[in-house]
């Protein structure tokens, strides 16, 4: 009885996460990629500033250790 309840709950979470994950991937793919497979301006902007932010964060972490 207890294992049936747990398996039902875990299957429900798994189904929810699979649906949400697919939806999120499709959403970002339509935002960052054109129908021809090229990157959009928003995609280039996002990747550029994400890389810049990551680089600044890493430099700050390294400078605090020195």
N, C-alpha and C. Protein backbone atom coordinates (compact mmCIF):
# COMPACT_ATOMS: atom_id res chain seq x y z
N UNK A 1 0.83 -1.19 0.00
CA UNK A 1 0.00 0.00 0.00
C UNK A 1 0.87 1.26 0.00
N UNK A 2 1.87 1.33 0.89
CA UNK A 2 2.74 2.50 0.97
C UNK A 2 3.56 2.68 -0.30
N UNK A 3 4.04 1.57 -0.86
CA UNK A 3 4.86 1.67 -2.07
C UNK A 3 4.02 2.13 -3.26
N UNK A 4 2.75 1.78 -3.29
CA UNK A 4 1.88 2.23 -4.38
C UNK A 4 1.67 3.74 -4.32
N UNK A 5 1.53 4.26 -3.11
CA UNK A 5 1.36 5.70 -2.96
C UNK A 5 2.62 6.43 -3.40
N UNK A 6 3.77 5.94 -2.97
CA UNK A 6 5.04 6.57 -3.33
C UNK A 6 5.27 6.50 -4.84
N UNK A 7 5.00 5.34 -5.45
CA UNK A 7 5.21 5.23 -6.89
C UNK A 7 4.25 6.13 -7.66
N UNK A 8 3.04 6.29 -7.19
CA UNK A 8 2.09 7.20 -7.84
C UNK A 8 2.58 8.64 -7.78
N UNK A 9 3.07 9.04 -6.63
CA UNK A 9 3.57 10.41 -6.46
C UNK A 9 4.79 10.65 -7.34
N UNK A 10 5.73 9.71 -7.34
CA UNK A 10 6.95 9.90 -8.15
C UNK A 10 6.64 9.89 -9.64
N UNK A 11 5.69 9.06 -10.06
CA UNK A 11 5.31 9.06 -11.48
C UNK A 11 4.65 10.37 -11.87
N UNK A 12 3.85 10.95 -10.96
CA UNK A 12 3.22 12.23 -11.25
C UNK A 12 4.26 13.33 -11.39
N UNK A 13 5.24 13.36 -10.47
CA UNK A 13 6.32 14.35 -10.58
C UNK A 13 7.12 14.17 -11.85
N UNK A 14 7.41 12.93 -12.20
CA UNK A 14 8.18 12.65 -13.41
C UNK A 14 7.44 13.13 -14.64
N UNK A 15 6.14 12.87 -14.73
CA UNK A 15 5.36 13.33 -15.87
C UNK A 15 5.31 14.85 -15.96
N UNK A 16 5.17 15.49 -14.81
CA UNK A 16 5.12 16.96 -14.79
C UNK A 16 6.45 17.54 -15.25
N UNK A 17 7.55 17.01 -14.74
CA UNK A 17 8.87 17.53 -15.11
C UNK A 17 9.20 17.27 -16.56
N UNK A 18 8.80 16.12 -17.09
CA UNK A 18 9.06 15.84 -18.50
C UNK A 18 8.31 16.82 -19.39
N UNK A 19 7.07 17.10 -19.06
CA UNK A 19 6.28 18.05 -19.85
C UNK A 19 6.83 19.46 -19.74
N UNK A 20 7.21 19.85 -18.53
CA UNK A 20 7.75 21.19 -18.31
C UNK A 20 9.10 21.34 -19.01
N UNK A 21 9.93 20.33 -18.91
CA UNK A 21 11.26 20.39 -19.53
C UNK A 21 11.16 20.54 -21.04
N UNK A 22 10.28 19.78 -21.66
CA UNK A 22 10.11 19.88 -23.11
C UNK A 22 9.58 21.25 -23.49
N UNK A 23 8.65 21.76 -22.71
CA UNK A 23 8.10 23.09 -22.99
C UNK A 23 9.14 24.18 -22.87
N UNK A 24 9.98 24.09 -21.85
CA UNK A 24 11.03 25.10 -21.65
C UNK A 24 12.05 25.05 -22.78
N UNK A 25 12.44 23.86 -23.19
CA UNK A 25 13.41 23.71 -24.29
C UNK A 25 12.83 24.29 -25.57
N UNK A 26 11.58 23.97 -25.88
CA UNK A 26 10.96 24.49 -27.10
C UNK A 26 10.83 26.01 -27.05
N UNK A 27 10.51 26.55 -25.88
CA UNK A 27 10.38 28.00 -25.73
C UNK A 27 11.70 28.70 -26.03
N UNK A 28 12.79 28.22 -25.43
CA UNK A 28 14.08 28.86 -25.66
C UNK A 28 14.60 28.62 -27.07
N UNK A 29 14.24 27.48 -27.65
CA UNK A 29 14.68 27.22 -29.02
C UNK A 29 14.00 28.19 -29.99
N UNK A 30 12.73 28.48 -29.77
CA UNK A 30 12.06 29.44 -30.65
C UNK A 30 12.55 30.86 -30.42
N UNK A 31 12.99 31.17 -29.19
CA UNK A 31 13.52 32.51 -28.94
C UNK A 31 14.92 32.71 -29.52
N UNK A 32 15.74 31.69 -29.48
CA UNK A 32 17.15 31.84 -29.81
C UNK A 32 17.54 31.31 -31.19
N UNK A 33 16.59 30.70 -31.92
CA UNK A 33 16.94 30.10 -33.20
C UNK A 33 15.84 30.38 -34.22
N UNK A 34 16.25 30.73 -35.44
CA UNK A 34 15.27 30.98 -36.50
C UNK A 34 14.84 29.65 -37.10
N UNK A 35 13.89 29.71 -38.01
CA UNK A 35 13.42 28.49 -38.65
C UNK A 35 14.48 27.87 -39.56
N UNK A 36 15.44 28.67 -40.02
CA UNK A 36 16.53 28.15 -40.85
C UNK A 36 17.68 27.57 -40.02
N UNK A 37 17.61 27.69 -38.71
CA UNK A 37 18.66 27.17 -37.85
C UNK A 37 19.70 28.19 -37.46
N UNK A 38 19.53 29.44 -37.89
CA UNK A 38 20.46 30.50 -37.54
C UNK A 38 20.12 31.05 -36.16
N UNK A 39 21.12 31.64 -35.50
CA UNK A 39 20.87 32.26 -34.20
C UNK A 39 20.23 33.63 -34.40
N UNK A 40 19.29 33.96 -33.53
CA UNK A 40 18.67 35.28 -33.57
C UNK A 40 19.57 36.29 -32.86
N UNK A 41 19.23 37.56 -33.01
CA UNK A 41 20.00 38.61 -32.33
C UNK A 41 19.89 38.44 -30.82
N UNK A 42 18.72 38.05 -30.34
CA UNK A 42 18.54 37.81 -28.91
C UNK A 42 19.44 36.67 -28.44
N UNK A 43 19.59 35.63 -29.24
CA UNK A 43 20.46 34.52 -28.88
C UNK A 43 21.92 34.94 -28.78
N UNK A 44 22.37 35.73 -29.73
CA UNK A 44 23.75 36.21 -29.72
C UNK A 44 23.98 37.10 -28.51
N UNK A 45 23.05 38.01 -28.26
CA UNK A 45 23.13 38.91 -27.12
C UNK A 45 23.17 38.13 -25.80
N UNK A 46 22.29 37.13 -25.67
CA UNK A 46 22.22 36.33 -24.45
C UNK A 46 23.50 35.55 -24.21
N UNK A 47 24.00 34.88 -25.23
CA UNK A 47 25.23 34.10 -25.07
C UNK A 47 26.43 34.98 -24.77
N UNK A 48 26.50 36.14 -25.41
CA UNK A 48 27.61 37.05 -25.19
C UNK A 48 27.65 37.54 -23.75
N UNK A 49 26.52 38.02 -23.26
CA UNK A 49 26.51 38.57 -21.91
C UNK A 49 26.53 37.49 -20.83
N UNK A 50 26.06 36.29 -21.15
CA UNK A 50 26.21 35.18 -20.20
C UNK A 50 27.69 34.82 -20.05
N UNK A 51 28.41 34.75 -21.16
CA UNK A 51 29.84 34.48 -21.11
C UNK A 51 30.62 35.57 -20.41
N UNK A 52 30.26 36.80 -20.66
CA UNK A 52 30.92 37.92 -20.00
C UNK A 52 30.67 37.89 -18.50
N UNK A 53 29.43 37.62 -18.10
CA UNK A 53 29.11 37.53 -16.67
C UNK A 53 29.83 36.39 -15.99
N UNK A 54 29.93 35.25 -16.68
CA UNK A 54 30.65 34.11 -16.12
C UNK A 54 32.14 34.42 -15.97
N UNK A 55 32.71 35.11 -16.94
CA UNK A 55 34.13 35.47 -16.87
C UNK A 55 34.39 36.42 -15.71
N UNK A 56 33.53 37.42 -15.54
CA UNK A 56 33.70 38.37 -14.43
C UNK A 56 33.57 37.65 -13.09
N UNK A 57 32.61 36.73 -12.99
CA UNK A 57 32.42 35.98 -11.75
C UNK A 57 33.66 35.14 -11.42
N UNK A 58 34.22 34.49 -12.44
CA UNK A 58 35.41 33.65 -12.21
C UNK A 58 36.61 34.51 -11.79
N UNK A 59 36.78 35.66 -12.41
CA UNK A 59 37.90 36.54 -12.05
C UNK A 59 37.74 37.03 -10.62
N UNK A 60 36.52 37.38 -10.23
CA UNK A 60 36.28 37.82 -8.84
C UNK A 60 36.61 36.72 -7.85
N UNK A 61 36.19 35.49 -8.16
CA UNK A 61 36.47 34.36 -7.27
C UNK A 61 37.97 34.14 -7.13
N UNK A 62 38.69 34.24 -8.26
CA UNK A 62 40.14 34.04 -8.21
C UNK A 62 40.85 35.16 -7.48
N UNK A 63 40.38 36.39 -7.66
CA UNK A 63 41.02 37.52 -7.00
C UNK A 63 40.80 37.50 -5.49
N UNK A 64 39.70 36.96 -5.04
CA UNK A 64 39.46 36.87 -3.59
C UNK A 64 40.37 35.83 -2.93
N UNK A 65 40.80 34.86 -3.69
CA UNK A 65 41.70 33.83 -3.12
C UNK A 65 43.13 34.30 -3.04
N UNK A 66 43.48 35.30 -3.79
CA UNK A 66 44.87 35.76 -3.83
C UNK A 66 45.16 36.71 -2.74
